[in-house]
Amino acid sequence: MANTAQSELLNHRLWNAYARPQAYVPLEGEHIYYFPQGHIEQLEGSMHYGLDQQLSTFCLPEKILCKVMNVELRVSL
């Protein structure tokens, strides 16, 4: 069990060494704003659709207040 905790601490330190200061990672329990428009733009950019197709329009607020429930540090290679 101690090895797992040490490994997680090492991984956290390693992730922070590479990601910081460019990234801010909120803590569990913090309140943050989620901006759905950013995800919609990413989706539009990754979709392959013809000129006659468009994404549905969503009636979402500009920002949504959320509470951080869990934080996972990930890396894409």
N, C-alpha and C. Protein backbone atom coordinates (compact mmCIF):
# COMPACT_ATOMS: atom_id res chain seq x y z
N MET A 1 0.82 -1.19 0.00
CA MET A 1 0.00 0.00 0.00
C MET A 1 0.86 1.26 0.00
N ALA A 2 1.95 1.24 0.74
CA ALA A 2 2.84 2.40 0.79
C ALA A 2 3.46 2.66 -0.58
N ASN A 3 3.78 1.60 -1.32
CA ASN A 3 4.36 1.77 -2.65
C ASN A 3 3.39 2.47 -3.60
N THR A 4 2.09 2.17 -3.49
CA THR A 4 1.10 2.81 -4.34
C THR A 4 1.03 4.30 -4.03
N ALA A 5 1.02 4.66 -2.77
CA ALA A 5 0.96 6.06 -2.36
C ALA A 5 2.21 6.80 -2.84
N GLN A 6 3.37 6.16 -2.70
CA GLN A 6 4.62 6.78 -3.16
C GLN A 6 4.61 6.95 -4.67
N SER A 7 4.11 5.95 -5.37
CA SER A 7 4.05 6.00 -6.83
C SER A 7 3.13 7.13 -7.28
N GLU A 8 1.97 7.28 -6.63
CA GLU A 8 1.04 8.34 -6.98
C GLU A 8 1.66 9.72 -6.72
N LEU A 9 2.39 9.85 -5.61
CA LEU A 9 3.05 11.11 -5.30
C LEU A 9 4.11 11.43 -6.34
N LEU A 10 4.89 10.42 -6.73
CA LEU A 10 5.91 10.60 -7.75
C LEU A 10 5.27 10.99 -9.08
N ASN A 11 4.19 10.30 -9.46
CA ASN A 11 3.50 10.62 -10.71
C ASN A 11 2.96 12.05 -10.68
N HIS A 12 2.42 12.47 -9.55
CA HIS A 12 1.90 13.82 -9.39
C HIS A 12 3.03 14.84 -9.57
N ARG A 13 4.15 14.58 -8.94
CA ARG A 13 5.31 15.49 -9.05
C ARG A 13 5.83 15.54 -10.48
N LEU A 14 5.91 14.39 -11.12
CA LEU A 14 6.39 14.31 -12.50
C LEU A 14 5.44 15.06 -13.44
N TRP A 15 4.14 14.85 -13.28
CA TRP A 15 3.16 15.53 -14.12
C TRP A 15 3.30 17.04 -13.95
N ASN A 16 3.39 17.49 -12.69
CA ASN A 16 3.52 18.92 -12.42
C ASN A 16 4.81 19.49 -13.01
N ALA A 17 5.88 18.72 -12.98
CA ALA A 17 7.15 19.20 -13.52
C ALA A 17 7.03 19.49 -15.02
N TYR A 18 6.28 18.67 -15.73
CA TYR A 18 6.13 18.87 -17.17
C TYR A 18 5.03 19.87 -17.53
N ALA A 19 3.95 19.89 -16.78
CA ALA A 19 2.79 20.70 -17.14
C ALA A 19 2.85 22.12 -16.59
N ARG A 20 3.45 22.31 -15.47
CA ARG A 20 3.45 23.64 -14.85
C ARG A 20 4.49 24.51 -15.51
N PRO A 21 4.40 25.77 -15.59
CA PRO A 21 3.33 26.62 -15.07
C PRO A 21 2.20 26.82 -16.06
N GLN A 22 2.18 26.08 -17.16
CA GLN A 22 1.16 26.28 -18.18
C GLN A 22 -0.23 25.81 -17.73
N ALA A 23 -0.31 24.92 -16.76
CA ALA A 23 -1.59 24.34 -16.39
C ALA A 23 -1.93 24.61 -14.93
N TYR A 24 -3.17 24.96 -14.70
CA TYR A 24 -3.67 25.07 -13.33
C TYR A 24 -4.60 23.90 -13.10
N VAL A 25 -4.36 23.13 -12.06
CA VAL A 25 -5.18 21.98 -11.74
C VAL A 25 -5.98 22.32 -10.48
N PRO A 26 -7.31 22.40 -10.61
CA PRO A 26 -8.11 22.71 -9.43
C PRO A 26 -8.09 21.55 -8.44
N LEU A 27 -8.33 21.86 -7.20
CA LEU A 27 -8.37 20.86 -6.15
C LEU A 27 -9.78 20.32 -6.00
N GLU A 28 -9.89 19.09 -5.50
CA GLU A 28 -11.21 18.53 -5.23
C GLU A 28 -11.94 19.44 -4.26
N GLY A 29 -13.21 19.69 -4.55
CA GLY A 29 -14.03 20.55 -3.71
C GLY A 29 -14.07 22.00 -4.17
N GLU A 30 -13.14 22.41 -5.03
CA GLU A 30 -13.14 23.78 -5.53
C GLU A 30 -14.30 23.98 -6.51
N HIS A 31 -14.73 25.21 -6.63
CA HIS A 31 -15.75 25.56 -7.61
C HIS A 31 -15.06 26.19 -8.82
N ILE A 32 -15.46 25.74 -9.99
CA ILE A 32 -14.89 26.24 -11.24
C ILE A 32 -16.02 26.51 -12.23
N TYR A 33 -15.70 27.23 -13.28
CA TYR A 33 -16.66 27.43 -14.36
C TYR A 33 -16.30 26.54 -15.53
N TYR A 34 -17.32 25.90 -16.08
CA TYR A 34 -17.19 25.07 -17.27
C TYR A 34 -17.77 25.88 -18.43
N PHE A 35 -17.01 25.96 -19.54
CA PHE A 35 -17.45 26.69 -20.72
C PHE A 35 -17.78 25.70 -21.83
N PRO A 36 -19.06 25.35 -22.00
CA PRO A 36 -19.42 24.32 -22.98
C PRO A 36 -19.06 24.68 -24.42
N GLN A 37 -18.97 25.97 -24.74
CA GLN A 37 -18.66 26.38 -26.11
C GLN A 37 -17.32 25.81 -26.57
N GLY A 38 -16.35 25.71 -25.65
CA GLY A 38 -15.05 25.15 -26.01
C GLY A 38 -15.14 23.71 -26.46
N HIS A 39 -15.95 22.91 -25.79
CA HIS A 39 -16.11 21.51 -26.20
C HIS A 39 -16.87 21.41 -27.52
N ILE A 40 -17.84 22.27 -27.71
CA ILE A 40 -18.59 22.26 -28.97
C ILE A 40 -17.66 22.59 -30.13
N GLU A 41 -16.77 23.58 -29.94
CA GLU A 41 -15.82 23.94 -30.99
C GLU A 41 -14.86 22.80 -31.29
N GLN A 42 -14.41 22.09 -30.25
CA GLN A 42 -13.53 20.93 -30.48
C GLN A 42 -14.25 19.85 -31.26
N LEU A 43 -15.50 19.61 -30.93
CA LEU A 43 -16.29 18.60 -31.62
C LEU A 43 -16.46 18.97 -33.09
N GLU A 44 -16.80 20.22 -33.34
CA GLU A 44 -16.96 20.68 -34.73
C GLU A 44 -15.67 20.50 -35.52
N GLY A 45 -14.54 20.79 -34.88
CA GLY A 45 -13.26 20.69 -35.57
C GLY A 45 -12.86 19.26 -35.89
N SER A 46 -13.35 18.31 -35.11
CA SER A 46 -12.95 16.92 -35.31
C SER A 46 -13.94 16.14 -36.17
N MET A 47 -15.09 16.71 -36.44
CA MET A 47 -16.11 15.99 -37.23
C MET A 47 -15.82 16.14 -38.72
N HIS A 48 -16.16 15.11 -39.45
CA HIS A 48 -16.03 15.13 -40.90
C HIS A 48 -17.45 15.07 -41.48
N TYR A 49 -17.98 16.22 -41.77
CA TYR A 49 -19.32 16.25 -42.32
C TYR A 49 -19.35 17.17 -43.54
N GLY A 50 -20.31 16.90 -44.39
CA GLY A 50 -20.42 17.67 -45.63
C GLY A 50 -20.98 19.06 -45.39
N LEU A 51 -21.00 19.84 -46.46
CA LEU A 51 -21.48 21.21 -46.36
C LEU A 51 -22.96 21.28 -46.01
N ASP A 52 -23.71 20.23 -46.31
CA ASP A 52 -25.14 20.23 -46.04
C ASP A 52 -25.46 19.80 -44.60
N GLN A 53 -24.46 19.42 -43.84
CA GLN A 53 -24.69 18.98 -42.47
C GLN A 53 -24.16 20.02 -41.49
N GLN A 54 -24.90 20.21 -40.42
CA GLN A 54 -24.48 21.11 -39.36
C GLN A 54 -24.80 20.46 -38.02
N LEU A 55 -24.04 20.87 -37.01
CA LEU A 55 -24.34 20.40 -35.67
C LEU A 55 -25.63 21.04 -35.17
N SER A 56 -26.34 20.31 -34.34
CA SER A 56 -27.53 20.87 -33.71
C SER A 56 -27.14 22.03 -32.82
N THR A 57 -28.03 22.98 -32.71
CA THR A 57 -27.80 24.11 -31.82
C THR A 57 -28.31 23.75 -30.44
N PHE A 58 -27.46 23.96 -29.44
CA PHE A 58 -27.83 23.64 -28.08
C PHE A 58 -28.15 24.93 -27.33
N CYS A 59 -29.13 24.87 -26.49
CA CYS A 59 -29.48 26.02 -25.65
C CYS A 59 -28.78 25.86 -24.30
N LEU A 60 -27.50 26.17 -24.28
CA LEU A 60 -26.70 26.04 -23.07
C LEU A 60 -26.28 27.43 -22.60
N PRO A 61 -26.14 27.60 -21.28
CA PRO A 61 -25.62 28.87 -20.80
C PRO A 61 -24.17 29.05 -21.22
N GLU A 62 -23.70 30.29 -21.19
CA GLU A 62 -22.34 30.61 -21.58
C GLU A 62 -21.33 29.93 -20.67
N LYS A 63 -21.64 29.85 -19.38
CA LYS A 63 -20.76 29.18 -18.42
C LYS A 63 -21.63 28.49 -17.37
N ILE A 64 -21.09 27.41 -16.81
CA ILE A 64 -21.81 26.62 -15.82
C ILE A 64 -20.91 26.46 -14.60
N LEU A 65 -21.41 26.87 -13.44
CA LEU A 65 -20.65 26.72 -12.20
C LEU A 65 -20.68 25.25 -11.77
N CYS A 66 -19.50 24.68 -11.53
CA CYS A 66 -19.37 23.27 -11.18
C CYS A 66 -18.50 23.11 -9.94
N LYS A 67 -18.65 21.99 -9.27
CA LYS A 67 -17.79 21.64 -8.14
C LYS A 67 -16.91 20.47 -8.57
N VAL A 68 -15.60 20.58 -8.36
CA VAL A 68 -14.66 19.52 -8.74
C VAL A 68 -14.84 18.35 -7.78
N MET A 69 -15.14 17.20 -8.34
CA MET A 69 -15.37 16.00 -7.54
C MET A 69 -14.17 15.05 -7.56
N ASN A 70 -13.38 15.10 -8.63
CA ASN A 70 -12.26 14.18 -8.77
C ASN A 70 -11.24 14.82 -9.73
N VAL A 71 -9.98 14.56 -9.49
CA VAL A 71 -8.92 15.05 -10.36
C VAL A 71 -8.06 13.87 -10.78
N GLU A 72 -7.89 13.70 -12.09
CA GLU A 72 -7.00 12.67 -12.62
C GLU A 72 -5.97 13.36 -13.51
N LEU A 73 -4.73 13.10 -13.26
CA LEU A 73 -3.65 13.68 -14.08
C LEU A 73 -3.31 12.69 -15.18
N ARG A 74 -3.44 13.14 -16.42
CA ARG A 74 -3.21 12.26 -17.57
C ARG A 74 -2.25 12.89 -18.53
N VAL A 75 -1.72 12.06 -19.39
CA VAL A 75 -0.76 12.49 -20.39
C VAL A 75 -1.11 11.84 -21.71
N SER A 76 -1.00 12.58 -22.80
CA SER A 76 -1.12 11.95 -24.12
C SER A 76 0.21 12.06 -24.82
N LEU A 77 0.63 10.97 -25.37
CA LEU A 77 1.95 10.92 -26.01
C LEU A 77 1.80 11.02 -27.52
